[in-house]
């Protein structure tokens, strides 16, 4: 039986379901992913066989294709949360891992595009770790 995964945006206007298995999970450190995630990297799951189904709010989803590149990002028009999209004429489903509400069953396969890695993304395991907000 194929896996079933559910996800949503931050404001809850968009909900989706993925049916199928993920083939790969990459943490991409390219400048494009840094810009659209606002962080050191994007965390995306990929599948060549899974199906994406919008349960609510599909009309709230905007797709941005960066001209002259293969970089795309889907997001909620209300809250800006990253959302799944298809690439390669629907043959590849790309799912931002943080948008999933169900558990992610696989671990990342690799950090990619490390030549573009943020200069502050070093020795992060050495900094203080808090269970909540700083006091």
C-alpha atoms as a PDB file:
ATOM      1  CA  UNK A   1       0.000   0.000   0.000  1.00  0.00           C
ATOM      2  CA  UNK A   2       1.298   3.438  -0.882  1.00  0.00           C
ATOM      3  CA  UNK A   3       2.029   5.915   1.873  1.00  0.00           C
ATOM      4  CA  UNK A   4      -0.337   8.766   2.548  1.00  0.00           C
ATOM      5  CA  UNK A   5       0.921  12.097   3.851  1.00  0.00           C
ATOM      6  CA  UNK A   6      -0.976  15.255   4.758  1.00  0.00           C
ATOM      7  CA  UNK A   7       0.134  18.837   5.025  1.00  0.00           C
ATOM      8  CA  UNK A   8      -0.971  22.442   5.249  1.00  0.00           C
ATOM      9  CA  UNK A   9       0.174  26.028   5.303  1.00  0.00           C
ATOM     10  CA  UNK A  10       0.718  28.139   8.434  1.00  0.00           C
ATOM     11  CA  UNK A  11      -2.655  29.915   8.312  1.00  0.00           C
ATOM     12  CA  UNK A  12      -4.580  26.722   7.486  1.00  0.00           C
ATOM     13  CA  UNK A  13      -6.144  28.063   4.273  1.00  0.00           C
ATOM     14  CA  UNK A  14      -4.413  25.366   2.195  1.00  0.00           C
ATOM     15  CA  UNK A  15      -4.491  21.643   2.937  1.00  0.00           C
ATOM     16  CA  UNK A  16      -3.135  18.859   0.758  1.00  0.00           C
ATOM     17  CA  UNK A  17      -2.519  15.139   0.598  1.00  0.00           C
ATOM     18  CA  UNK A  18       0.352  13.194  -0.973  1.00  0.00           C
ATOM     19  CA  UNK A  19      -0.263   9.567  -1.922  1.00  0.00           C
ATOM     20  CA  UNK A  20       2.861   7.552  -2.632  1.00  0.00           C
ATOM     21  CA  UNK A  21       6.410   7.221  -1.428  1.00  0.00           C
ATOM     22  CA  UNK A  22       9.219   9.751  -1.396  1.00  0.00           C
ATOM     23  CA  UNK A  23      12.297   8.883  -3.459  1.00  0.00           C
ATOM     24  CA  UNK A  24      14.700  11.447  -2.033  1.00  0.00           C
ATOM     25  CA  UNK A  25      15.066  14.065   0.700  1.00  0.00           C
ATOM     26  CA  UNK A  26      17.619  16.825   0.157  1.00  0.00           C
ATOM     27  CA  UNK A  27      18.756  19.811   2.200  1.00  0.00           C
ATOM     28  CA  UNK A  28      19.633  22.350  -0.496  1.00  0.00           C
ATOM     29  CA  UNK A  29      22.044  25.155   0.362  1.00  0.00           C
ATOM     30  CA  UNK A  30      21.850  27.053  -2.966  1.00  0.00           C
ATOM     31  CA  UNK A  31      21.309  30.813  -2.830  1.00  0.00           C
ATOM     32  CA  UNK A  32      17.820  30.429  -4.314  1.00  0.00           C
ATOM     33  CA  UNK A  33      16.737  28.073  -1.527  1.00  0.00           C
ATOM     34  CA  UNK A  34      18.297  30.353   1.077  1.00  0.00           C
ATOM     35  CA  UNK A  35      16.340  33.302  -0.310  1.00  0.00           C
ATOM     36  CA  UNK A  36      12.989  31.537  -0.531  1.00  0.00           C
ATOM     37  CA  UNK A  37      13.310  29.749   2.832  1.00  0.00           C
ATOM     38  CA  UNK A  38      14.903  32.631   4.747  1.00  0.00           C
ATOM     39  CA  UNK A  39      17.226  30.058   6.290  1.00  0.00           C
ATOM     40  CA  UNK A  40      20.484  28.217   5.647  1.00  0.00           C
ATOM     41  CA  UNK A  41      18.816  25.672   3.386  1.00  0.00           C
ATOM     42  CA  UNK A  42      15.530  24.306   2.096  1.00  0.00           C
ATOM     43  CA  UNK A  43      14.381  20.818   3.112  1.00  0.00           C
ATOM     44  CA  UNK A  44      12.493  19.183   0.237  1.00  0.00           C
ATOM     45  CA  UNK A  45      11.180  15.695  -0.410  1.00  0.00           C
ATOM     46  CA  UNK A  46      10.954  14.437  -3.994  1.00  0.00           C
ATOM     47  CA  UNK A  47       8.866  11.753  -5.663  1.00  0.00           C
ATOM     48  CA  UNK A  48       8.554  10.594  -9.242  1.00  0.00           C
ATOM     49  CA  UNK A  49       5.505   8.457  -8.471  1.00  0.00           C
ATOM     50  CA  UNK A  50       3.491  10.201  -5.729  1.00  0.00           C
ATOM     51  CA  UNK A  51       0.285  12.109  -6.417  1.00  0.00           C
ATOM     52  CA  UNK A  52      -0.503  15.577  -5.035  1.00  0.00           C
ATOM     53  CA  UNK A  53      -4.146  16.315  -4.189  1.00  0.00           C
ATOM     54  CA  UNK A  54      -5.366  19.675  -2.894  1.00  0.00           C
ATOM     55  CA  UNK A  55      -7.982  19.208  -0.150  1.00  0.00           C
ATOM     56  CA  UNK A  56      -8.653  22.909   0.527  1.00  0.00           C
ATOM     57  CA  UNK A  57      -7.444  26.253  -0.747  1.00  0.00           C
ATOM     58  CA  UNK A  58      -5.877  25.337  -4.080  1.00  0.00           C
ATOM     59  CA  UNK A  59      -6.900  28.797  -5.328  1.00  0.00           C
ATOM     60  CA  UNK A  60      -4.642  30.287  -2.600  1.00  0.00           C
ATOM     61  CA  UNK A  61      -1.540  28.591  -4.041  1.00  0.00           C
ATOM     62  CA  UNK A  62       0.819  30.643  -6.192  1.00  0.00           C
ATOM     63  CA  UNK A  63       3.690  29.132  -8.166  1.00  0.00           C
ATOM     64  CA  UNK A  64       6.793  31.230  -8.783  1.00  0.00           C
ATOM     65  CA  UNK A  65       9.277  30.037 -11.422  1.00  0.00           C
ATOM     66  CA  UNK A  66      12.590  31.903 -11.229  1.00  0.00           C
ATOM     67  CA  UNK A  67      13.319  33.003 -14.815  1.00  0.00           C
ATOM     68  CA  UNK A  68      16.358  31.414 -16.429  1.00  0.00           C
ATOM     69  CA  UNK A  69      16.595  28.626 -13.802  1.00  0.00           C
ATOM     70  CA  UNK A  70      14.918  25.357 -12.817  1.00  0.00           C
ATOM     71  CA  UNK A  71      14.053  26.860  -9.418  1.00  0.00           C
ATOM     72  CA  UNK A  72      10.354  26.981  -8.474  1.00  0.00           C
ATOM     73  CA  UNK A  73       8.455  27.688  -5.315  1.00  0.00           C
ATOM     74  CA  UNK A  74       4.770  27.255  -4.496  1.00  0.00           C
ATOM     75  CA  UNK A  75       3.373  29.213  -1.568  1.00  0.00           C
ATOM     76  CA  UNK A  76       0.165  30.291   0.160  1.00  0.00           C
ATOM     77  CA  UNK A  77      -0.957  33.769  -0.937  1.00  0.00           C
ATOM     78  CA  UNK A  78      -2.163  34.552   2.602  1.00  0.00           C
ATOM     79  CA  UNK A  79       0.683  33.431   4.874  1.00  0.00           C
ATOM     80  CA  UNK A  80       3.558  32.791   2.434  1.00  0.00           C
ATOM     81  CA  UNK A  81       4.170  29.217   3.606  1.00  0.00           C
ATOM     82  CA  UNK A  82       6.031  26.954   1.184  1.00  0.00           C
ATOM     83  CA  UNK A  83       3.776  24.326  -0.392  1.00  0.00           C
ATOM     84  CA  UNK A  84       4.186  21.323  -2.707  1.00  0.00           C
ATOM     85  CA  UNK A  85       4.293  21.649  -6.459  1.00  0.00           C
ATOM     86  CA  UNK A  86       5.063  19.566  -9.509  1.00  0.00           C
ATOM     87  CA  UNK A  87       7.954  19.966 -11.919  1.00  0.00           C
ATOM     88  CA  UNK A  88       8.983  18.363 -15.205  1.00  0.00           C
ATOM     89  CA  UNK A  89       5.460  18.464 -16.672  1.00  0.00           C
ATOM     90  CA  UNK A  90       3.979  16.830 -13.566  1.00  0.00           C
ATOM     91  CA  UNK A  91       6.493  13.966 -13.426  1.00  0.00           C
ATOM     92  CA  UNK A  92       8.136  15.133 -10.176  1.00  0.00           C
ATOM     93  CA  UNK A  93       6.391  16.152  -6.939  1.00  0.00           C
ATOM     94  CA  UNK A  94       8.406  18.474  -4.687  1.00  0.00           C
ATOM     95  CA  UNK A  95       7.231  18.703  -1.065  1.00  0.00           C
ATOM     96  CA  UNK A  96       8.684  21.153   1.474  1.00  0.00           C
ATOM     97  CA  UNK A  97       9.275  18.899   4.494  1.00  0.00           C
ATOM     98  CA  UNK A  98       8.150  21.565   6.966  1.00  0.00           C
ATOM     99  CA  UNK A  99       4.736  21.804   5.313  1.00  0.00           C
ATOM    100  CA  UNK A 100       3.874  18.206   6.221  1.00  0.00           C
ATOM    101  CA  UNK A 101       1.567  17.596   9.186  1.00  0.00           C
ATOM    102  CA  UNK A 102       2.193  13.852   9.119  1.00  0.00           C
ATOM    103  CA  UNK A 103       5.549  12.405  10.219  1.00  0.00           C
ATOM    104  CA  UNK A 104       8.380  12.341   7.683  1.00  0.00           C
ATOM    105  CA  UNK A 105       9.328   8.679   7.411  1.00  0.00           C
ATOM    106  CA  UNK A 106      12.764   9.128   5.827  1.00  0.00           C
ATOM    107  CA  UNK A 107      15.870  11.035   6.849  1.00  0.00           C
ATOM    108  CA  UNK A 108      17.604  13.475   4.513  1.00  0.00           C
ATOM    109  CA  UNK A 109      19.803  11.794   1.898  1.00  0.00           C
ATOM    110  CA  UNK A 110      22.298  14.627   1.551  1.00  0.00           C
ATOM    111  CA  UNK A 111      23.186  18.278   1.949  1.00  0.00           C
ATOM    112  CA  UNK A 112      23.472  19.610  -1.618  1.00  0.00           C
ATOM    113  CA  UNK A 113      24.856  22.789  -3.225  1.00  0.00           C
ATOM    114  CA  UNK A 114      27.365  23.272  -0.400  1.00  0.00           C
ATOM    115  CA  UNK A 115      29.468  25.682  -2.485  1.00  0.00           C
ATOM    116  CA  UNK A 116      26.715  28.233  -1.780  1.00  0.00           C
ATOM    117  CA  UNK A 117      26.406  27.406   1.929  1.00  0.00           C
ATOM    118  CA  UNK A 118      25.708  30.392   4.227  1.00  0.00           C
ATOM    119  CA  UNK A 119      28.852  31.593   5.989  1.00  0.00           C
ATOM    120  CA  UNK A 120      27.122  31.396   9.403  1.00  0.00           C
ATOM    121  CA  UNK A 121      26.073  27.766   8.858  1.00  0.00           C
ATOM    122  CA  UNK A 122      29.067  26.276  10.711  1.00  0.00           C
ATOM    123  CA  UNK A 123      29.391  24.373  13.988  1.00  0.00           C
ATOM    124  CA  UNK A 124      25.703  24.870  14.803  1.00  0.00           C
ATOM    125  CA  UNK A 125      25.770  21.794  17.010  1.00  0.00           C
ATOM    126  CA  UNK A 126      27.980  23.802  19.417  1.00  0.00           C
ATOM    127  CA  UNK A 127      25.513  26.615  20.140  1.00  0.00           C
ATOM    128  CA  UNK A 128      23.068  26.633  23.044  1.00  0.00           C
ATOM    129  CA  UNK A 129      19.952  24.497  22.640  1.00  0.00           C
ATOM    130  CA  UNK A 130      16.674  25.589  24.271  1.00  0.00           C
ATOM    131  CA  UNK A 131      13.385  23.683  24.523  1.00  0.00           C
ATOM    132  CA  UNK A 132      11.412  26.924  24.256  1.00  0.00           C
ATOM    133  CA  UNK A 133      11.898  30.646  23.728  1.00  0.00           C
ATOM    134  CA  UNK A 134      14.871  32.373  25.382  1.00  0.00           C
ATOM    135  CA  UNK A 135      14.068  34.101  28.663  1.00  0.00           C
END
